[in-house]
Each structure stands twice: as C-alpha cells, then as structure tokens.
C-alpha cells in the first residue's frame, strides 16, 4: 500500500511529558509545537498530501484559565513564527472549528495565514481549533435543514453525501490514517464522521517525543493494512473467484 493521502493526528501527552521532567505544562506545549513542525516537514517528505492536526478541542476551554491563555498565546505565536517557512515550502494552511470565541487578533491572524497560502499545493495543513466532532455534525445538520427551508433539499433527499458536503473536512477528503500519541485509545470527539473507515494507530509515545522515526513507524504500519471498506479480503475473493 502506498503512503496515506490524508493523515489526522491527536497530539496528546504534552502535559505528561513536562510533568515527567519537573517542568511546567507550558514547557510541554512548547515542545509539542516543535514536534508539530517536524511532523509537517516529514509528512511532506513521505508523500502525505493532507495533514490534519487537532490543536485545540472544544472541550479544552474547560482547562484552567491560565493554561488556556498559554495555549492560545502559543498558538498565535506559532502561526506568526512558522507562516514564512510554511509558505516557502508550498504548504496551504487551513483552520477548521468554531472561531467565534477567539480574540479578534487571533481570528485575523488565521484569516491572513489562510489567504497568504491559499494558492500553495505541496501539502494541505489543516489545524483543528475549538473543534469537536459533535459540533461538526450539528453544524452540518443545520446547514441541511436550512437548505430544506430554502427548497434546495427535501428531507427525503438528505443523504450521507449531502451531509458530508457541509462537514469541515469536505474539501480535503476523509483521513486514511488516524494517529493518536500519548497512550490513550479513543478518538475524543475528533472527526467523528470522517474517521468511519480510517485506520486507527495508537502509540504510547508522548507527542513531544513523536519524531520522524515515529511517523515512519506509523506509515509502515499503515502500509501493512488491507483496507476493505466492507468488502471481502483480497485473498478470500481470489480463492472464491
């Protein structure tokens, strides 16, 4: 199997990485930002076309206010620090999620980054911020309901394909490979619709320690998978032919 076209990642373990070293959690988040930069570069080298990173979930607002401030400040500074290199390397940056709770300045930075890189085509880097899978499906359902009110749809013509057109990732296609670092074995309200047929790869490695070799291990694992999408295994189909 060739490299996955679209990889989605939950970058988990920054806080535990910092705690294990007697450092403040903010140090773990800064280390995690460095790992994100490395994975973007190595995803490109390995033929990945779309990389979706879960940077800030809708549930993260429930964390201590000081940590939320650190996360959002780091997020804004990372955009400013990395945008030149991303643009120079042909990366198109997009953000998915509910931006309404972010500061005007951060919203402006996000729009500017998207506008600057919109014509790039080497890699689509999608950052999920204030994102939740349930929120995504609700806003898609609302869009379908509005289309019915506008006489563009009827309840009978709402199909999975029609619903998917209103989901955040509809322009990028569904992930082939999902990676979660940090040891947890769940998808935590991330891309609930889109991960229906993704290969799920879990690793105990904490996100700041997830490096080029770690990504290569995940891609090698993916290459051994047989993606059947409900069909019979290829060997079985051949034997029954």
Protein backbone atom coordinates (compact mmCIF):
# COMPACT_ATOMS: atom_id res chain seq x y z
CA UNK A 1 0.00 0.00 0.00
CA UNK A 2 1.25 3.49 -0.82
CA UNK A 3 1.57 6.29 1.70
CA UNK A 4 -1.74 7.53 3.12
CA UNK A 5 -3.02 10.56 1.28
CA UNK A 6 -4.55 12.11 4.39
CA UNK A 7 -3.24 11.70 7.96
CA UNK A 8 -5.06 13.05 11.02
CA UNK A 9 -3.33 13.35 14.40
CA UNK A 10 -4.36 13.87 18.03
CA UNK A 11 -1.20 15.33 19.55
CA UNK A 12 -1.55 14.05 23.11
CA UNK A 13 0.90 13.96 26.00
CA UNK A 14 2.45 17.43 26.26
CA UNK A 15 1.48 17.90 29.91
CA UNK A 16 2.67 14.46 30.98
CA UNK A 17 5.93 14.96 29.11
CA UNK A 18 6.54 18.17 31.08
CA UNK A 19 5.47 16.65 34.43
CA UNK A 20 7.88 13.76 33.98
CA UNK A 21 10.71 16.28 33.68
CA UNK A 22 9.60 18.51 36.54
CA UNK A 23 8.71 21.29 34.09
CA UNK A 24 5.59 23.47 33.88
CA UNK A 25 2.92 22.26 31.47
CA UNK A 26 3.63 25.26 29.27
CA UNK A 27 7.07 23.79 28.53
CA UNK A 28 5.38 20.63 27.27
CA UNK A 29 3.16 22.64 24.94
CA UNK A 30 6.18 24.48 23.56
CA UNK A 31 7.96 21.16 22.98
CA UNK A 32 4.81 19.87 21.31
CA UNK A 33 4.83 22.82 18.89
CA UNK A 34 8.36 21.84 17.83
CA UNK A 35 7.22 18.27 17.21
CA UNK A 36 4.36 19.57 15.06
CA UNK A 37 6.85 21.45 12.88
CA UNK A 38 8.93 18.28 12.45
CA UNK A 39 5.92 16.14 11.56
CA UNK A 40 4.73 18.64 8.95
CA UNK A 41 8.15 18.53 7.29
CA UNK A 42 8.36 14.73 7.40
CA UNK A 43 4.80 14.22 6.24
CA UNK A 44 5.70 16.15 3.10
CA UNK A 45 8.83 14.06 2.56
CA UNK A 46 6.81 10.84 2.86
CA UNK A 47 4.19 11.77 0.27
CA UNK A 48 1.32 12.78 2.55
CA UNK A 49 -0.94 15.30 0.81
CA UNK A 50 -3.20 16.35 3.70
CA UNK A 51 -2.21 16.55 7.37
CA UNK A 52 -4.88 17.42 9.94
CA UNK A 53 -3.69 18.26 13.47
CA UNK A 54 -6.01 18.54 16.49
CA UNK A 55 -4.60 21.61 18.20
CA UNK A 56 -7.41 22.79 20.48
CA UNK A 57 -10.66 20.97 21.15
CA UNK A 58 -13.99 22.47 22.14
CA UNK A 59 -13.51 20.71 25.50
CA UNK A 60 -10.15 22.42 26.11
CA UNK A 61 -11.99 25.56 27.26
CA UNK A 62 -12.69 23.62 30.46
CA UNK A 63 -8.99 23.57 31.39
CA UNK A 64 -7.66 26.11 33.93
CA UNK A 65 -7.93 29.62 32.52
CA UNK A 66 -4.19 30.21 32.78
CA UNK A 67 -3.43 27.11 30.70
CA UNK A 68 -5.99 28.13 28.07
CA UNK A 69 -4.28 31.52 27.82
CA UNK A 70 -0.91 29.81 27.39
CA UNK A 71 -2.28 27.51 24.68
CA UNK A 72 -3.90 30.31 22.69
CA UNK A 73 -0.88 32.60 23.06
CA UNK A 74 1.40 29.79 21.89
CA UNK A 75 -0.96 29.09 19.00
CA UNK A 76 -0.87 32.69 17.84
CA UNK A 77 2.90 32.98 18.20
CA UNK A 78 3.38 29.70 16.34
CA UNK A 79 1.35 30.97 13.39
CA UNK A 80 3.48 34.11 13.26
CA UNK A 81 6.74 32.19 13.60
CA UNK A 82 6.00 29.41 11.13
CA UNK A 83 3.99 31.06 8.37
CA UNK A 84 7.02 32.15 6.31
CA UNK A 85 8.52 28.65 6.27
CA UNK A 86 5.16 27.04 5.53
CA UNK A 87 4.56 29.39 2.63
CA UNK A 88 8.07 28.95 1.24
CA UNK A 89 7.59 25.15 1.31
CA UNK A 90 4.30 25.27 -0.57
CA UNK A 91 2.07 24.42 2.38
CA UNK A 92 -1.54 25.59 2.25
CA UNK A 93 -2.80 26.34 5.75
CA UNK A 94 -6.46 25.97 6.71
CA UNK A 95 -8.30 26.07 10.03
CA UNK A 96 -11.45 24.17 10.95
CA UNK A 97 -13.62 24.69 14.02
CA UNK A 98 -15.65 27.43 15.66
CA UNK A 99 -13.53 30.59 15.63
CA UNK A 100 -16.11 32.82 17.30
CA UNK A 101 -14.67 32.52 20.82
CA UNK A 102 -11.16 33.51 19.80
CA UNK A 103 -9.86 37.07 20.08
CA UNK A 104 -10.27 39.37 17.09
CA UNK A 105 -6.49 39.44 16.72
CA UNK A 106 -6.20 35.64 16.56
CA UNK A 107 -9.09 35.39 14.10
CA UNK A 108 -7.36 37.98 11.93
CA UNK A 109 -4.06 36.07 12.06
CA UNK A 110 -5.84 32.89 10.98
CA UNK A 111 -7.55 34.59 8.04
CA UNK A 112 -4.29 36.23 6.95
CA UNK A 113 -2.42 32.91 7.09
CA UNK A 114 -5.09 31.18 5.01
CA UNK A 115 -5.14 34.00 2.46
CA UNK A 116 -1.36 34.08 2.11
CA UNK A 117 -1.03 30.33 1.50
CA UNK A 118 -4.25 29.69 -0.43
CA UNK A 119 -2.52 29.04 -3.77
CA UNK A 120 0.06 26.58 -2.38
CA UNK A 121 -0.27 22.95 -3.36
CA UNK A 122 2.53 20.82 -1.88
CA UNK A 123 0.69 19.94 1.35
CA UNK A 124 -2.65 20.87 2.89
CA UNK A 125 -2.07 21.51 6.58
CA UNK A 126 -5.42 21.60 8.40
CA UNK A 127 -5.44 22.79 12.01
CA UNK A 128 -8.50 21.90 14.09
CA UNK A 129 -9.08 24.62 16.72
CA UNK A 130 -12.10 24.92 19.01
CA UNK A 131 -13.22 21.85 17.11
CA UNK A 132 -15.43 18.95 18.16
CA UNK A 133 -16.83 16.12 16.08
CA UNK A 134 -20.33 16.54 17.51
CA UNK A 135 -20.22 20.28 16.83
CA UNK A 136 -19.19 19.50 13.25
CA UNK A 137 -22.13 17.16 12.67
CA UNK A 138 -24.58 19.58 14.30
CA UNK A 139 -23.49 22.47 12.10
CA UNK A 140 -23.75 20.19 9.03
CA UNK A 141 -27.26 19.14 10.08
CA UNK A 142 -28.23 22.79 10.49
CA UNK A 143 -26.91 23.55 7.01
CA UNK A 144 -29.01 20.71 5.58
CA UNK A 145 -32.06 21.98 7.47
CA UNK A 146 -31.52 25.47 6.07
CA UNK A 147 -31.19 24.00 2.57
CA UNK A 148 -34.58 22.36 3.08
CA UNK A 149 -36.09 25.70 4.11
CA UNK A 150 -34.53 27.26 1.01
CA UNK A 151 -36.04 24.48 -1.16
CA UNK A 152 -32.59 23.27 -2.21
CA UNK A 153 -33.14 19.95 -0.39
CA UNK A 154 -36.02 17.93 0.98
CA UNK A 155 -35.83 15.62 4.00
CA UNK A 156 -36.02 12.67 1.61
CA UNK A 157 -33.01 13.84 -0.38
CA UNK A 158 -30.70 14.32 2.62
CA UNK A 159 -28.11 11.61 2.04
CA UNK A 160 -24.77 10.86 3.61
CA UNK A 161 -23.16 12.58 0.64
CA UNK A 162 -25.32 15.67 1.10
CA UNK A 163 -24.46 15.81 4.80
CA UNK A 164 -20.76 15.36 4.14
CA UNK A 165 -20.73 18.41 1.88
CA UNK A 166 -21.27 20.58 4.95
CA UNK A 167 -18.64 18.98 7.20
CA UNK A 168 -15.43 20.83 7.96
CA UNK A 169 -13.16 18.42 6.05
CA UNK A 170 -15.29 18.10 2.93
CA UNK A 171 -12.67 19.85 0.74
CA UNK A 172 -9.87 17.59 1.91
CA UNK A 173 -11.31 14.08 1.90
CA UNK A 174 -11.54 11.65 4.79
CA UNK A 175 -8.36 10.63 6.63
CA UNK A 176 -6.77 7.34 5.59
CA UNK A 177 -4.69 7.13 8.76
CA UNK A 178 -5.50 8.43 12.25
CA UNK A 179 -2.66 8.70 14.78
CA UNK A 180 -3.03 9.32 18.49
CA UNK A 181 0.01 9.72 20.71
CA UNK A 182 0.18 9.57 24.50
CA UNK A 183 -1.23 6.11 25.16
CA UNK A 184 -4.99 6.76 25.13
CA UNK A 185 -7.11 4.51 22.90
CA UNK A 186 -10.01 6.76 21.93
CA UNK A 187 -10.78 9.44 19.35
CA UNK A 188 -12.04 12.04 21.87
CA UNK A 189 -14.72 13.75 19.77
CA UNK A 190 -12.35 14.28 16.85
CA UNK A 191 -13.66 13.89 13.28
CA UNK A 192 -16.42 11.51 14.37
CA UNK A 193 -17.92 11.27 10.88
CA UNK A 194 -14.70 11.39 8.90
CA UNK A 195 -12.87 8.60 10.76
CA UNK A 196 -15.51 5.97 9.91
CA UNK A 197 -13.12 3.99 7.67
CA UNK A 198 -9.75 5.33 8.78
CA UNK A 199 -7.01 3.04 10.04
CA UNK A 200 -6.51 3.83 13.74
CA UNK A 201 -2.94 3.88 15.05
CA UNK A 202 -2.25 4.39 18.76
CA UNK A 203 1.16 4.83 20.33
CA UNK A 204 2.30 5.26 23.93
CA UNK A 205 4.90 7.79 22.82
CA UNK A 206 4.13 11.27 24.15
CA UNK A 207 3.69 13.93 21.50
CA UNK A 208 6.95 15.89 22.16
CA UNK A 209 8.82 12.59 21.61
CA UNK A 210 6.99 11.75 18.38
CA UNK A 211 9.68 12.30 15.76
CA UNK A 212 10.44 11.40 12.15
CA UNK A 213 11.14 7.77 13.06
CA UNK A 214 7.84 7.56 14.95
CA UNK A 215 5.96 8.84 11.92
CA UNK A 216 7.78 6.36 9.72
CA UNK A 217 6.69 3.54 12.06
CA UNK A 218 3.06 4.66 11.73
CA UNK A 219 3.31 4.87 7.95
CA UNK A 220 4.94 1.43 7.77
CA UNK A 221 2.13 0.03 9.93
CA UNK A 222 -0.42 1.60 7.60
CA UNK A 223 1.31 0.06 4.60
CA UNK A 224 0.62 -3.42 6.05
CA UNK A 225 -3.10 -2.80 6.44
CA UNK A 226 -5.65 -4.10 3.93
CA UNK A 227 -8.39 -1.52 3.62
CA UNK A 228 -11.55 -3.41 2.61
CA UNK A 229 -14.36 -0.89 3.25
CA UNK A 230 -16.77 -3.74 3.94
CA UNK A 231 -15.58 -5.94 1.09
CA UNK A 232 -14.08 -9.41 1.44
CA UNK A 233 -10.32 -9.72 1.98
CA UNK A 234 -8.48 -9.90 -1.31
CA UNK A 235 -7.21 -13.44 -0.63
CA UNK A 236 -10.71 -14.64 0.12
CA UNK A 237 -12.11 -13.01 -3.01
CA UNK A 238 -9.39 -14.64 -5.10
CA UNK A 239 -9.97 -18.09 -3.63
CA UNK A 240 -13.70 -17.86 -4.35
CA UNK A 241 -13.33 -16.47 -7.84
